[in-house]
Amino acid sequence: MSKSEIRRKKRPDGAEPVIISERFLSSYEVQYMEEHNADALHKEYRERFGRNFTSLRDYKGSVEEYMAELRAVFDGEDIDAIIKKHPQPEPISIEEILALLEKRK
């Protein structure tokens, strides 16, 4: 039995091949989500519902629509309080990174 016959037997009759596409986020999308504190809202969503909110890569609309939908989950609540509850970590300097690497040696 040839390899092509084996491959044909693995697929059901008439089945189309599955095409996997991956959407990469633009720098604009990443910056927009950072400016609108998407990380804090994602963390709050995960705490409340025990699962992740749909990722922007899987979302069919624009980043603005995505953030509006994510904020709508917390409609009527104080978004600023949620953001303060999950603060963004401060950026780490190169010197601090080098010091951490030295400690690990």
N, C-alpha and C. Protein backbone atom coordinates (compact mmCIF):
# COMPACT_ATOMS: atom_id res chain seq x y z
N MET A 1 0.85 -1.17 0.00
CA MET A 1 0.00 0.00 0.00
C MET A 1 0.90 1.24 0.00
N SER A 2 0.65 2.17 -0.91
CA SER A 2 1.48 3.37 -1.01
C SER A 2 1.05 4.41 0.02
N LYS A 3 1.93 5.40 0.23
CA LYS A 3 1.63 6.46 1.21
C LYS A 3 0.40 7.26 0.80
N SER A 4 0.23 7.50 -0.49
CA SER A 4 -0.93 8.29 -0.93
C SER A 4 -2.24 7.54 -0.64
N GLU A 5 -2.21 6.20 -0.74
CA GLU A 5 -3.41 5.43 -0.42
C GLU A 5 -3.71 5.48 1.08
N ILE A 6 -2.67 5.47 1.88
CA ILE A 6 -2.86 5.56 3.33
C ILE A 6 -3.47 6.91 3.68
N ARG A 7 -2.94 8.00 3.09
CA ARG A 7 -3.47 9.33 3.37
C ARG A 7 -4.93 9.43 2.96
N ARG A 8 -5.28 8.86 1.83
CA ARG A 8 -6.66 8.93 1.37
C ARG A 8 -7.60 8.21 2.32
N LYS A 9 -7.15 7.12 2.91
CA LYS A 9 -8.01 6.36 3.81
C LYS A 9 -8.25 7.10 5.13
N LYS A 10 -7.33 7.99 5.52
CA LYS A 10 -7.50 8.71 6.78
C LYS A 10 -8.61 9.74 6.70
N ARG A 11 -8.85 10.31 5.52
CA ARG A 11 -9.89 11.32 5.35
C ARG A 11 -11.20 10.66 4.94
N PRO A 12 -12.30 11.11 5.50
CA PRO A 12 -13.59 10.60 5.05
C PRO A 12 -13.85 11.03 3.60
N ASP A 13 -14.69 10.28 2.93
CA ASP A 13 -14.99 10.59 1.53
C ASP A 13 -15.55 12.00 1.39
N GLY A 14 -15.00 12.75 0.45
CA GLY A 14 -15.50 14.08 0.14
C GLY A 14 -15.14 15.16 1.15
N ALA A 15 -14.33 14.82 2.14
CA ALA A 15 -13.98 15.82 3.16
C ALA A 15 -12.97 16.80 2.59
N GLU A 16 -13.21 18.07 2.87
CA GLU A 16 -12.30 19.11 2.43
C GLU A 16 -11.13 19.20 3.41
N PRO A 17 -9.95 19.54 2.92
CA PRO A 17 -8.83 19.72 3.84
C PRO A 17 -9.08 20.92 4.74
N VAL A 18 -8.62 20.85 5.95
CA VAL A 18 -8.80 21.92 6.90
C VAL A 18 -7.66 22.92 6.73
N ILE A 19 -8.02 24.17 6.51
CA ILE A 19 -7.01 25.21 6.36
C ILE A 19 -6.99 26.00 7.66
N ILE A 20 -5.84 26.04 8.26
CA ILE A 20 -5.67 26.76 9.51
C ILE A 20 -5.01 28.09 9.19
N SER A 21 -5.71 29.16 9.54
CA SER A 21 -5.12 30.48 9.32
C SER A 21 -4.93 31.13 10.68
N GLU A 22 -3.90 31.90 10.78
CA GLU A 22 -3.60 32.56 12.03
C GLU A 22 -3.54 34.06 11.78
N ARG A 23 -4.21 34.81 12.63
CA ARG A 23 -4.23 36.26 12.50
C ARG A 23 -3.21 36.83 13.46
N PHE A 24 -2.31 37.65 12.94
CA PHE A 24 -1.33 38.30 13.79
C PHE A 24 -1.81 39.70 14.10
N LEU A 25 -1.61 40.13 15.34
CA LEU A 25 -2.06 41.45 15.76
C LEU A 25 -1.10 42.51 15.25
N SER A 26 -1.68 43.61 14.78
CA SER A 26 -0.86 44.73 14.33
C SER A 26 -0.38 45.51 15.55
N SER A 27 0.61 46.34 15.34
CA SER A 27 1.12 47.16 16.45
C SER A 27 0.03 48.12 16.93
N TYR A 28 -0.83 48.57 16.01
CA TYR A 28 -1.94 49.44 16.40
C TYR A 28 -2.88 48.72 17.35
N GLU A 29 -3.22 47.47 17.02
CA GLU A 29 -4.14 46.69 17.86
C GLU A 29 -3.56 46.46 19.25
N VAL A 30 -2.28 46.12 19.30
CA VAL A 30 -1.62 45.88 20.59
C VAL A 30 -1.61 47.16 21.41
N GLN A 31 -1.24 48.26 20.78
CA GLN A 31 -1.19 49.54 21.49
C GLN A 31 -2.58 49.96 21.97
N TYR A 32 -3.59 49.78 21.13
CA TYR A 32 -4.96 50.14 21.49
C TYR A 32 -5.41 49.35 22.71
N MET A 33 -5.12 48.05 22.72
CA MET A 33 -5.53 47.22 23.84
C MET A 33 -4.78 47.59 25.12
N GLU A 34 -3.50 47.94 25.00
CA GLU A 34 -2.74 48.38 26.17
C GLU A 34 -3.31 49.68 26.72
N GLU A 35 -3.63 50.62 25.83
CA GLU A 35 -4.16 51.91 26.26
C GLU A 35 -5.53 51.78 26.94
N HIS A 36 -6.29 50.78 26.55
CA HIS A 36 -7.63 50.58 27.10
C HIS A 36 -7.67 49.47 28.16
N ASN A 37 -6.49 49.09 28.65
CA ASN A 37 -6.35 48.15 29.78
C ASN A 37 -7.06 46.82 29.56
N ALA A 38 -6.85 46.24 28.41
CA ALA A 38 -7.47 44.95 28.09
C ALA A 38 -7.01 43.85 29.05
N ASP A 39 -5.75 43.89 29.47
CA ASP A 39 -5.23 42.85 30.36
C ASP A 39 -6.01 42.80 31.66
N ALA A 40 -6.29 43.96 32.24
CA ALA A 40 -7.03 44.00 33.50
C ALA A 40 -8.44 43.45 33.32
N LEU A 41 -9.07 43.80 32.21
CA LEU A 41 -10.43 43.31 31.96
C LEU A 41 -10.43 41.81 31.69
N HIS A 42 -9.41 41.32 30.99
CA HIS A 42 -9.30 39.88 30.76
C HIS A 42 -9.13 39.12 32.07
N LYS A 43 -8.29 39.66 32.96
CA LYS A 43 -8.06 38.99 34.25
C LYS A 43 -9.35 38.95 35.07
N GLU A 44 -10.09 40.05 35.09
CA GLU A 44 -11.35 40.11 35.83
C GLU A 44 -12.36 39.13 35.25
N TYR A 45 -12.42 39.04 33.93
CA TYR A 45 -13.34 38.11 33.26
C TYR A 45 -12.99 36.68 33.65
N ARG A 46 -11.70 36.35 33.64
CA ARG A 46 -11.25 35.00 33.99
C ARG A 46 -11.60 34.67 35.45
N GLU A 47 -11.44 35.65 36.35
CA GLU A 47 -11.78 35.42 37.75
C GLU A 47 -13.27 35.17 37.95
N ARG A 48 -14.09 35.92 37.26
CA ARG A 48 -15.54 35.81 37.45
C ARG A 48 -16.15 34.59 36.79
N PHE A 49 -15.71 34.32 35.58
CA PHE A 49 -16.38 33.28 34.79
C PHE A 49 -15.58 31.99 34.66
N GLY A 50 -14.35 31.97 35.14
CA GLY A 50 -13.55 30.76 35.12
C GLY A 50 -13.07 30.32 33.73
N ARG A 51 -13.16 31.22 32.79
CA ARG A 51 -12.66 30.92 31.43
C ARG A 51 -12.18 32.22 30.80
N ASN A 52 -11.49 32.08 29.70
CA ASN A 52 -10.95 33.26 29.03
C ASN A 52 -11.99 33.88 28.11
N PHE A 53 -11.91 35.20 27.97
CA PHE A 53 -12.72 35.91 26.99
C PHE A 53 -12.14 35.60 25.62
N THR A 54 -12.97 35.60 24.59
CA THR A 54 -12.51 35.33 23.23
C THR A 54 -11.31 36.20 22.91
N SER A 55 -10.30 35.62 22.31
CA SER A 55 -9.11 36.41 21.98
C SER A 55 -9.38 37.28 20.75
N LEU A 56 -8.62 38.34 20.64
CA LEU A 56 -8.76 39.24 19.49
C LEU A 56 -8.43 38.51 18.20
N ARG A 57 -7.52 37.54 18.28
CA ARG A 57 -7.17 36.77 17.07
C ARG A 57 -8.38 36.01 16.52
N ASP A 58 -9.25 35.56 17.40
CA ASP A 58 -10.42 34.79 17.00
C ASP A 58 -11.63 35.68 16.72
N TYR A 59 -11.54 36.93 17.08
CA TYR A 59 -12.66 37.87 16.92
C TYR A 59 -12.72 38.35 15.48
N LYS A 60 -13.91 38.45 14.94
CA LYS A 60 -14.08 38.79 13.53
C LYS A 60 -14.12 40.30 13.27
N GLY A 61 -14.36 41.11 14.29
CA GLY A 61 -14.48 42.55 14.10
C GLY A 61 -13.17 43.29 14.34
N SER A 62 -13.28 44.60 14.46
CA SER A 62 -12.11 45.45 14.69
C SER A 62 -11.74 45.44 16.16
N VAL A 63 -10.59 45.98 16.46
CA VAL A 63 -10.13 46.04 17.85
C VAL A 63 -11.02 46.96 18.66
N GLU A 64 -11.57 48.00 18.04
CA GLU A 64 -12.48 48.90 18.75
C GLU A 64 -13.76 48.17 19.14
N GLU A 65 -14.30 47.38 18.22
CA GLU A 65 -15.51 46.60 18.51
C GLU A 65 -15.22 45.55 19.59
N TYR A 66 -14.05 44.95 19.52
CA TYR A 66 -13.64 43.94 20.50
C TYR A 66 -13.61 44.54 21.90
N MET A 67 -12.97 45.70 22.03
CA MET A 67 -12.87 46.33 23.35
C MET A 67 -14.24 46.79 23.84
N ALA A 68 -15.10 47.25 22.93
CA ALA A 68 -16.45 47.65 23.33
C ALA A 68 -17.22 46.45 23.86
N GLU A 69 -17.05 45.30 23.21
CA GLU A 69 -17.74 44.09 23.67
C GLU A 69 -17.19 43.61 25.01
N LEU A 70 -15.88 43.70 25.19
CA LEU A 70 -15.26 43.30 26.46
C LEU A 70 -15.72 44.22 27.58
N ARG A 71 -15.78 45.52 27.32
CA ARG A 71 -16.25 46.47 28.34
C ARG A 71 -17.74 46.28 28.63
N ALA A 72 -18.51 45.86 27.64
CA ALA A 72 -19.95 45.65 27.82
C ALA A 72 -20.24 44.53 28.82
N VAL A 73 -19.31 43.61 28.97
CA VAL A 73 -19.47 42.53 29.95
C VAL A 73 -19.60 43.12 31.35
N PHE A 74 -18.91 44.23 31.59
CA PHE A 74 -18.91 44.88 32.90
C PHE A 74 -19.78 46.13 32.90
N ASP A 75 -20.83 46.11 32.10
CA ASP A 75 -21.73 47.26 31.98
C ASP A 75 -22.35 47.61 33.34
N GLY A 76 -22.35 48.88 33.65
CA GLY A 76 -22.92 49.33 34.91
C GLY A 76 -21.96 49.26 36.08
N GLU A 77 -20.77 48.73 35.85
CA GLU A 77 -19.77 48.64 36.91
C GLU A 77 -18.70 49.70 36.71
N ASP A 78 -17.95 49.95 37.74
CA ASP A 78 -16.87 50.93 37.67
C ASP A 78 -15.64 50.28 37.02
N ILE A 79 -15.43 50.60 35.75
CA ILE A 79 -14.31 50.02 35.00
C ILE A 79 -12.98 50.44 35.63
N ASP A 80 -12.92 51.68 36.10
CA ASP A 80 -11.68 52.16 36.72
C ASP A 80 -11.32 51.35 37.96
N ALA A 81 -12.31 50.92 38.72
CA ALA A 81 -12.05 50.09 39.91
C ALA A 81 -11.50 48.73 39.49
N ILE A 82 -12.03 48.19 38.42
CA ILE A 82 -11.54 46.90 37.91
C ILE A 82 -10.10 47.04 37.46
N ILE A 83 -9.80 48.13 36.77
CA ILE A 83 -8.44 48.36 36.27
C ILE A 83 -7.47 48.54 37.44
N LYS A 84 -7.90 49.24 38.49
CA LYS A 84 -7.04 49.42 39.67
C LYS A 84 -6.83 48.10 40.41
N LYS A 85 -7.80 47.23 40.34
CA LYS A 85 -7.70 45.92 40.99
C LYS A 85 -6.63 45.05 40.33
N HIS A 86 -6.45 45.24 39.02
CA HIS A 86 -5.47 44.46 38.26
C HIS A 86 -4.49 45.42 37.57
N PRO A 87 -3.56 46.01 38.32
CA PRO A 87 -2.66 46.99 37.71
C PRO A 87 -1.68 46.36 36.73
N GLN A 88 -1.26 47.17 35.78
CA GLN A 88 -0.25 46.72 34.83
C GLN A 88 1.09 46.64 35.55
N PRO A 89 1.86 45.60 35.30
CA PRO A 89 3.19 45.55 35.91
C PRO A 89 4.07 46.66 35.32
N GLU A 90 4.90 47.23 36.15
CA GLU A 90 5.80 48.28 35.67
C GLU A 90 6.82 47.66 34.72
N PRO A 91 7.17 48.39 33.67
CA PRO A 91 8.20 47.86 32.76
C PRO A 91 9.52 47.69 33.51
N ILE A 92 10.23 46.66 33.16
CA ILE A 92 11.49 46.37 33.83
C ILE A 92 12.63 46.91 32.95
N SER A 93 13.61 47.52 33.59
CA SER A 93 14.72 48.11 32.84
C SER A 93 15.72 47.03 32.43
N ILE A 94 16.56 47.38 31.50
CA ILE A 94 17.59 46.45 31.03
C ILE A 94 18.55 46.12 32.17
N GLU A 95 18.85 47.12 32.99
CA GLU A 95 19.76 46.90 34.12
C GLU A 95 19.18 45.87 35.09
N GLU A 96 17.87 45.97 35.33
CA GLU A 96 17.22 45.01 36.23
C GLU A 96 17.22 43.60 35.63
N ILE A 97 17.02 43.51 34.34
CA ILE A 97 17.06 42.20 33.67
C ILE A 97 18.45 41.60 33.79
N LEU A 98 19.48 42.41 33.56
CA LEU A 98 20.86 41.91 33.66
C LEU A 98 21.17 41.47 35.09
N ALA A 99 20.68 42.22 36.06
CA ALA A 99 20.91 41.85 37.47
C ALA A 99 20.23 40.52 37.79
N LEU A 100 19.02 40.31 37.28
CA LEU A 100 18.33 39.04 37.50
C LEU A 100 19.06 37.89 36.84
N LEU A 101 19.61 38.12 35.67
CA LEU A 101 20.37 37.06 34.98
C LEU A 101 21.65 36.73 35.73
N GLU A 102 22.28 37.73 36.28
CA GLU A 102 23.50 37.50 37.07
C GLU A 102 23.20 36.66 38.31
N LYS A 103 22.08 36.90 38.95
CA LYS A 103 21.69 36.13 40.13
C LYS A 103 21.48 34.67 39.80
N ARG A 104 21.00 34.38 38.61
CA ARG A 104 20.69 33.01 38.22
C ARG A 104 21.93 32.20 37.88
N LYS A 105 23.04 32.85 37.63
CA LYS A 105 24.26 32.12 37.24
C LYS A 105 24.81 31.31 38.36
